Amino acid sequence: MNQERIQQLLQFVQDEPGEPFNVYALGMEYLTENPSQAQHYFERLLTDHPQYLPTYYHAAQLYTDLGNRDRAAELYDFGLLLAKQQGNVKTFDELNRAFRSFKDDEDDL
């Protein structure tokens, strides 16, 4: 985790509060080393910028890793719907592959 980059991103969020990418970048920066902080930023995106499609894949993966499979499934479902509405075939395919894998893992539980 790069503290300098985090400080820079925090400044970007402060300077441009309506720009979802800055919040997303913070979530991604925290994802590996501080999942609870990543969760905070992903939830902020889901609340403040629900149309920001890149959030759904990573947030669903995070919730899966945290053991909250119900929340992960909700995020996959909504992300797939949103990708379809936005006509984003590439993201739809990525989410769909991840969701199928998620469901296959569930069958193994």
C-alpha atoms as a PDB file:
ATOM      1  CA  MET A   1       0.000   0.000   0.000  1.00  0.00           C
ATOM      2  CA  ASN A   2       1.487   3.281  -1.092  1.00  0.00           C
ATOM      3  CA  GLN A   3       0.773   5.997   1.505  1.00  0.00           C
ATOM      4  CA  GLU A   4       1.824   8.780  -0.851  1.00  0.00           C
ATOM      5  CA  ARG A   5      -0.635   7.585  -3.492  1.00  0.00           C
ATOM      6  CA  ILE A   6      -3.375   7.279  -0.858  1.00  0.00           C
ATOM      7  CA  GLN A   7      -2.776  10.857   0.284  1.00  0.00           C
ATOM      8  CA  GLN A   8      -2.909  12.029  -3.320  1.00  0.00           C
ATOM      9  CA  LEU A   9      -6.162  10.152  -3.933  1.00  0.00           C
ATOM     10  CA  LEU A  10      -7.689  11.548  -0.740  1.00  0.00           C
ATOM     11  CA  GLN A  11      -6.834  15.021  -2.015  1.00  0.00           C
ATOM     12  CA  PHE A  12      -8.446  14.210  -5.374  1.00  0.00           C
ATOM     13  CA  VAL A  13     -11.606  13.056  -3.588  1.00  0.00           C
ATOM     14  CA  GLN A  14     -11.665  16.288  -1.629  1.00  0.00           C
ATOM     15  CA  ASP A  15     -11.049  18.401  -4.741  1.00  0.00           C
ATOM     16  CA  GLU A  16     -13.530  16.506  -6.930  1.00  0.00           C
ATOM     17  CA  PRO A  17     -16.183  14.959  -4.664  1.00  0.00           C
ATOM     18  CA  GLY A  18     -18.452  14.112  -7.602  1.00  0.00           C
ATOM     19  CA  GLU A  19     -15.803  12.070  -9.437  1.00  0.00           C
ATOM     20  CA  PRO A  20     -16.374   8.366  -8.702  1.00  0.00           C
ATOM     21  CA  PHE A  21     -13.049   7.193 -10.134  1.00  0.00           C
ATOM     22  CA  ASN A  22     -11.115   8.782  -7.265  1.00  0.00           C
ATOM     23  CA  VAL A  23     -13.163   6.888  -4.666  1.00  0.00           C
ATOM     24  CA  TYR A  24     -12.827   3.705  -6.731  1.00  0.00           C
ATOM     25  CA  ALA A  25      -9.048   4.152  -6.899  1.00  0.00           C
ATOM     26  CA  LEU A  26      -8.939   4.473  -3.095  1.00  0.00           C
ATOM     27  CA  GLY A  27     -10.934   1.283  -2.704  1.00  0.00           C
ATOM     28  CA  MET A  28      -8.597  -0.527  -5.057  1.00  0.00           C
ATOM     29  CA  GLU A  29      -5.536   0.828  -3.253  1.00  0.00           C
ATOM     30  CA  TYR A  30      -6.785  -0.573   0.057  1.00  0.00           C
ATOM     31  CA  LEU A  31      -8.144  -3.843  -1.326  1.00  0.00           C
ATOM     32  CA  THR A  32      -5.196  -6.125  -0.593  1.00  0.00           C
ATOM     33  CA  GLU A  33      -3.847  -4.796   2.682  1.00  0.00           C
ATOM     34  CA  ASN A  34      -6.897  -3.248   4.342  1.00  0.00           C
ATOM     35  CA  PRO A  35     -10.112  -4.885   3.080  1.00  0.00           C
ATOM     36  CA  SER A  36     -12.333  -3.123   5.625  1.00  0.00           C
ATOM     37  CA  GLN A  37     -11.171   0.253   4.325  1.00  0.00           C
ATOM     38  CA  ALA A  38     -11.710  -0.936   0.741  1.00  0.00           C
ATOM     39  CA  GLN A  39     -15.212  -2.014   1.775  1.00  0.00           C
ATOM     40  CA  HIS A  40     -15.865   1.495   3.110  1.00  0.00           C
ATOM     41  CA  TYR A  41     -14.965   3.096  -0.222  1.00  0.00           C
ATOM     42  CA  PHE A  42     -16.863   0.534  -2.293  1.00  0.00           C
ATOM     43  CA  GLU A  43     -19.966   1.064  -0.160  1.00  0.00           C
ATOM     44  CA  ARG A  44     -19.565   4.803  -0.611  1.00  0.00           C
ATOM     45  CA  LEU A  45     -19.482   4.279  -4.372  1.00  0.00           C
ATOM     46  CA  LEU A  46     -22.513   2.007  -4.295  1.00  0.00           C
ATOM     47  CA  THR A  47     -24.435   4.639  -2.347  1.00  0.00           C
ATOM     48  CA  ASP A  48     -23.207   7.843  -3.985  1.00  0.00           C
ATOM     49  CA  HIS A  49     -22.518   6.547  -7.512  1.00  0.00           C
ATOM     50  CA  PRO A  50     -24.641   3.427  -8.082  1.00  0.00           C
ATOM     51  CA  GLN A  51     -24.227   3.746 -11.860  1.00  0.00           C
ATOM     52  CA  TYR A  52     -20.419   3.448 -11.636  1.00  0.00           C
ATOM     53  CA  LEU A  53     -20.105   0.000 -13.139  1.00  0.00           C
ATOM     54  CA  PRO A  54     -16.458  -0.863 -12.276  1.00  0.00           C
ATOM     55  CA  THR A  55     -17.400  -1.029  -8.589  1.00  0.00           C
ATOM     56  CA  TYR A  56     -19.539  -4.141  -8.864  1.00  0.00           C
ATOM     57  CA  TYR A  57     -16.926  -6.710  -9.863  1.00  0.00           C
ATOM     58  CA  HIS A  58     -14.432  -5.773  -7.161  1.00  0.00           C
ATOM     59  CA  ALA A  59     -17.022  -5.174  -4.454  1.00  0.00           C
ATOM     60  CA  ALA A  60     -18.621  -8.566  -5.130  1.00  0.00           C
ATOM     61  CA  GLN A  61     -15.216 -10.245  -4.994  1.00  0.00           C
ATOM     62  CA  LEU A  62     -14.438  -8.468  -1.720  1.00  0.00           C
ATOM     63  CA  TYR A  63     -17.703  -9.550  -0.120  1.00  0.00           C
ATOM     64  CA  THR A  64     -17.060 -13.100  -1.280  1.00  0.00           C
ATOM     65  CA  ASP A  65     -13.632 -13.003   0.351  1.00  0.00           C
ATOM     66  CA  LEU A  66     -15.191 -11.591   3.530  1.00  0.00           C
ATOM     67  CA  GLY A  67     -17.671 -14.469   3.616  1.00  0.00           C
ATOM     68  CA  ASN A  68     -20.754 -12.359   2.883  1.00  0.00           C
ATOM     69  CA  ARG A  69     -22.022 -14.392  -0.064  1.00  0.00           C
ATOM     70  CA  ASP A  70     -25.524 -12.888   0.041  1.00  0.00           C
ATOM     71  CA  ARG A  71     -24.173  -9.377  -0.449  1.00  0.00           C
ATOM     72  CA  ALA A  72     -21.787 -10.611  -3.144  1.00  0.00           C
ATOM     73  CA  ALA A  73     -24.682 -12.234  -5.037  1.00  0.00           C
ATOM     74  CA  GLU A  74     -26.704  -8.994  -4.829  1.00  0.00           C
ATOM     75  CA  LEU A  75     -23.788  -7.044  -6.253  1.00  0.00           C
ATOM     76  CA  TYR A  76     -23.248  -9.502  -9.098  1.00  0.00           C
ATOM     77  CA  ASP A  77     -26.960  -9.401  -9.941  1.00  0.00           C
ATOM     78  CA  PHE A  78     -27.162  -5.627  -9.932  1.00  0.00           C
ATOM     79  CA  GLY A  79     -23.848  -5.245 -11.774  1.00  0.00           C
ATOM     80  CA  LEU A  80     -25.046  -7.585 -14.518  1.00  0.00           C
ATOM     81  CA  LEU A  81     -28.296  -5.655 -14.842  1.00  0.00           C
ATOM     82  CA  LEU A  82     -26.443  -2.346 -14.937  1.00  0.00           C
ATOM     83  CA  ALA A  83     -23.923  -3.577 -17.524  1.00  0.00           C
ATOM     84  CA  LYS A  84     -26.798  -4.737 -19.705  1.00  0.00           C
ATOM     85  CA  GLN A  85     -28.598  -1.394 -19.312  1.00  0.00           C
ATOM     86  CA  GLN A  86     -25.414   0.482 -20.184  1.00  0.00           C
ATOM     87  CA  GLY A  87     -24.718  -1.768 -23.162  1.00  0.00           C
ATOM     88  CA  ASN A  88     -21.295  -2.652 -21.767  1.00  0.00           C
ATOM     89  CA  VAL A  89     -20.786  -6.123 -23.235  1.00  0.00           C
ATOM     90  CA  LYS A  90     -17.208  -6.543 -22.024  1.00  0.00           C
ATOM     91  CA  THR A  91     -18.051  -5.802 -18.392  1.00  0.00           C
ATOM     92  CA  PHE A  92     -21.213  -7.888 -18.617  1.00  0.00           C
ATOM     93  CA  ASP A  93     -19.144 -10.849 -19.805  1.00  0.00           C
ATOM     94  CA  GLU A  94     -16.545 -10.363 -17.050  1.00  0.00           C
ATOM     95  CA  LEU A  95     -19.208 -10.113 -14.351  1.00  0.00           C
ATOM     96  CA  ASN A  96     -21.074 -13.079 -15.781  1.00  0.00           C
ATOM     97  CA  ARG A  97     -17.954 -15.279 -15.774  1.00  0.00           C
ATOM     98  CA  ALA A  98     -17.147 -14.230 -12.195  1.00  0.00           C
ATOM     99  CA  PHE A  99     -20.743 -14.835 -11.095  1.00  0.00           C
ATOM    100  CA  ARG A 100     -20.802 -18.308 -12.668  1.00  0.00           C
ATOM    101  CA  SER A 101     -17.568 -19.146 -10.873  1.00  0.00           C
ATOM    102  CA  PHE A 102     -19.046 -17.769  -7.644  1.00  0.00           C
ATOM    103  CA  LYS A 103     -22.119 -19.983  -8.071  1.00  0.00           C
ATOM    104  CA  ASP A 104     -19.950 -23.024  -8.902  1.00  0.00           C
ATOM    105  CA  ASP A 105     -18.009 -22.424  -5.675  1.00  0.00           C
ATOM    106  CA  GLU A 106     -21.316 -22.245  -3.814  1.00  0.00           C
ATOM    107  CA  ASP A 107     -22.284 -25.664  -5.166  1.00  0.00           C
ATOM    108  CA  ASP A 108     -19.073 -27.046  -3.652  1.00  0.00           C
ATOM    109  CA  LEU A 109     -19.909 -25.723  -0.176  1.00  0.00           C
END
